[in-house]
Every structure is written in structure tokens, then in C-alpha cells.
Amino acid sequence: MSYVFAFITGGLICVIGQVLIDKTKLTPARILTGYVVAGVFISAVGLYEPLVEFASCGATVPLSGFGHLMAQGVKESVDTYGALGILKGPLSAASAGITAAVVLSLIASLISKSKEK
């Protein structure tokens, strides 16, 4: 049953993004940034953790989950490092995902051919 909750929750998050693309003049980059900021805000209010417990990957995989991850990293790091934790926390918490994105992008650029215009 947890797969169903994850699928429905992730799908609803994606539906919101698709509606924003179709019905507004917002660019995809602004929508993606908005998702990250919304994840940070919802996490700061304390509502994202119950959503993660309910939907697991359905809530952590979308970009709002990335914002939640960064907010949790700041919370934990500020307790340990003080004000320096504001900068260190999000990067430490999201380092695996950031590293994977950079490495996979490098691999994709090495095996792909660019098109000349």
C-alpha cells in the first residue's frame, strides 16, 4: 500500500507543476526553483516530515523533497556549527545527489555529440 501512497503523492506534486506550466506564463526554471523554495518553507513549518512519513519516496524524489533535504541539513548543521552551518548544512545533506548529477552530466557530455547549427 505504501507504493500506492508514494505514487499518488508524487503524481499530485507533478500534476501541480504541469498545471503551472500549462496555465501560467511561468518558465520551467521558475517553477523548479519554486518547488525547491516551497519544500524549504513547508519543511520549516513542520509539514513536510509527516508527508515524507506518509508517502516516502513520493515526497522525497520531487524537487520539493530536495528543498526539504536542504532545510533538514541546515537544521542539523546549525546546532553543530552555529552560523557556519547555514552554508555547510545544505551542501552536506545534498552532497550525494549533487555529486551524482555532476558526474552523470559529465558522462553524458562525453558520450554525446553536439549538433552544429
Protein backbone atom coordinates (compact mmCIF):
# COMPACT_ATOMS: atom_id res chain seq x y z
CA MET A 1 0.00 0.00 0.00
CA SER A 2 2.94 2.34 0.60
CA TYR A 3 3.74 2.15 -3.13
CA VAL A 4 0.27 3.47 -3.90
CA PHE A 5 0.65 6.38 -1.47
CA ALA A 6 4.06 7.22 -2.92
CA PHE A 7 2.75 7.06 -6.49
CA ILE A 8 -0.30 9.21 -5.76
CA THR A 9 1.63 11.81 -3.75
CA GLY A 10 4.44 12.10 -6.31
CA GLY A 11 1.87 12.24 -9.09
CA LEU A 12 -0.04 15.04 -7.41
CA ILE A 13 3.15 17.04 -6.96
CA CYS A 14 3.89 16.59 -10.67
CA VAL A 15 0.31 17.49 -11.63
CA ILE A 16 0.70 20.80 -9.82
CA GLY A 17 3.85 21.50 -11.82
CA GLN A 18 2.15 20.57 -15.09
CA VAL A 19 -0.82 22.83 -14.33
CA LEU A 20 1.59 25.69 -13.59
CA ILE A 21 3.34 25.10 -16.93
CA ASP A 22 0.07 24.91 -18.87
CA LYS A 23 -1.95 27.66 -17.19
CA THR A 24 0.63 30.30 -16.26
CA LYS A 25 3.39 32.16 -18.01
CA LEU A 26 5.96 30.92 -15.51
CA THR A 27 9.07 29.44 -17.07
CA PRO A 28 10.04 25.88 -16.13
CA ALA A 29 13.12 27.23 -14.35
CA ARG A 30 10.96 29.42 -12.11
CA ILE A 31 8.61 26.54 -11.38
CA LEU A 32 11.52 24.26 -10.46
CA THR A 33 13.00 26.93 -8.21
CA GLY A 34 9.58 27.48 -6.69
CA TYR A 35 9.34 23.79 -5.86
CA VAL A 36 12.67 23.86 -4.02
CA VAL A 37 11.70 27.01 -2.09
CA ALA A 38 8.27 25.53 -1.30
CA GLY A 39 9.96 22.40 0.03
CA VAL A 40 12.15 24.51 2.31
CA PHE A 41 9.18 26.55 3.52
CA ILE A 42 6.89 23.55 4.11
CA SER A 43 9.73 21.81 5.93
CA ALA A 44 10.36 24.89 8.10
CA VAL A 45 6.69 24.98 9.08
CA GLY A 46 6.94 21.29 10.03
CA LEU A 47 4.52 19.85 7.48
CA TYR A 48 6.93 18.11 5.13
CA GLU A 49 8.18 15.46 7.57
CA PRO A 50 4.68 13.97 8.07
CA LEU A 51 4.29 13.94 4.27
CA VAL A 52 7.59 12.04 3.95
CA GLU A 53 6.45 9.54 6.58
CA PHE A 54 3.17 9.04 4.69
CA ALA A 55 4.44 8.91 1.10
CA SER A 56 8.19 8.16 1.49
CA CYS A 57 9.78 8.45 -1.98
CA GLY A 58 6.66 10.06 -3.40
CA ALA A 59 7.58 13.12 -1.34
CA THR A 60 11.38 12.94 -1.32
CA VAL A 61 12.10 12.39 -5.02
CA PRO A 62 10.44 15.55 -6.46
CA LEU A 63 12.28 18.87 -6.19
CA SER A 64 10.27 19.87 -3.16
CA GLY A 65 11.99 16.93 -1.45
CA PHE A 66 15.35 18.48 -2.36
CA GLY A 67 14.27 21.66 -0.58
CA HIS A 68 13.20 19.60 2.43
CA LEU A 69 16.56 17.81 2.43
CA MET A 70 18.43 21.11 2.39
CA ALA A 71 16.29 22.52 5.20
CA GLN A 72 16.93 19.45 7.35
CA GLY A 73 20.66 19.79 6.66
CA VAL A 74 20.63 23.40 7.82
CA LYS A 75 18.72 22.49 10.99
CA GLU A 76 21.19 19.77 11.96
CA SER A 77 24.29 21.72 10.96
CA VAL A 78 23.37 24.95 12.76
CA ASP A 79 23.10 23.00 16.00
CA THR A 80 26.65 21.71 15.49
CA TYR A 81 28.49 24.55 13.72
CA GLY A 82 26.49 27.66 14.54
CA ALA A 83 26.07 30.26 11.78
CA LEU A 84 28.55 28.41 9.54
CA GLY A 85 26.00 25.59 9.44
CA ILE A 86 23.74 27.77 7.29
CA LEU A 87 26.20 27.32 4.43
CA LYS A 88 27.57 23.91 5.33
CA GLY A 89 24.29 22.14 6.11
CA PRO A 90 22.51 22.10 2.75
CA LEU A 91 25.65 21.15 0.85
CA SER A 92 26.49 18.33 3.25
CA ALA A 93 22.96 16.94 3.24
CA ALA A 94 22.61 17.04 -0.54
CA SER A 95 26.20 16.19 -1.46
CA ALA A 96 25.44 12.70 -2.79
CA GLY A 97 22.74 13.99 -5.14
CA ILE A 98 24.81 16.95 -6.29
CA THR A 99 27.83 14.72 -6.94
CA ALA A 100 25.73 12.21 -8.87
CA ALA A 101 24.28 14.99 -11.03
CA VAL A 102 27.72 16.41 -11.83
CA VAL A 103 29.30 13.03 -12.60
CA LEU A 104 26.39 11.79 -14.72
CA SER A 105 26.30 15.10 -16.60
CA LEU A 106 29.99 14.76 -17.33
CA ILE A 107 29.50 11.22 -18.61
CA ALA A 108 26.57 12.32 -20.78
CA SER A 109 28.63 15.15 -22.25
CA LEU A 110 31.48 12.77 -23.08
CA ILE A 111 29.34 10.20 -24.89
CA SER A 112 27.05 12.66 -26.70
CA LYS A 113 27.69 14.64 -29.85
CA SER A 114 26.71 18.27 -30.08
CA LYS A 115 24.76 19.44 -33.09
CA GLU A 116 26.14 22.27 -35.13
CA LYS A 117 23.71 24.98 -36.21
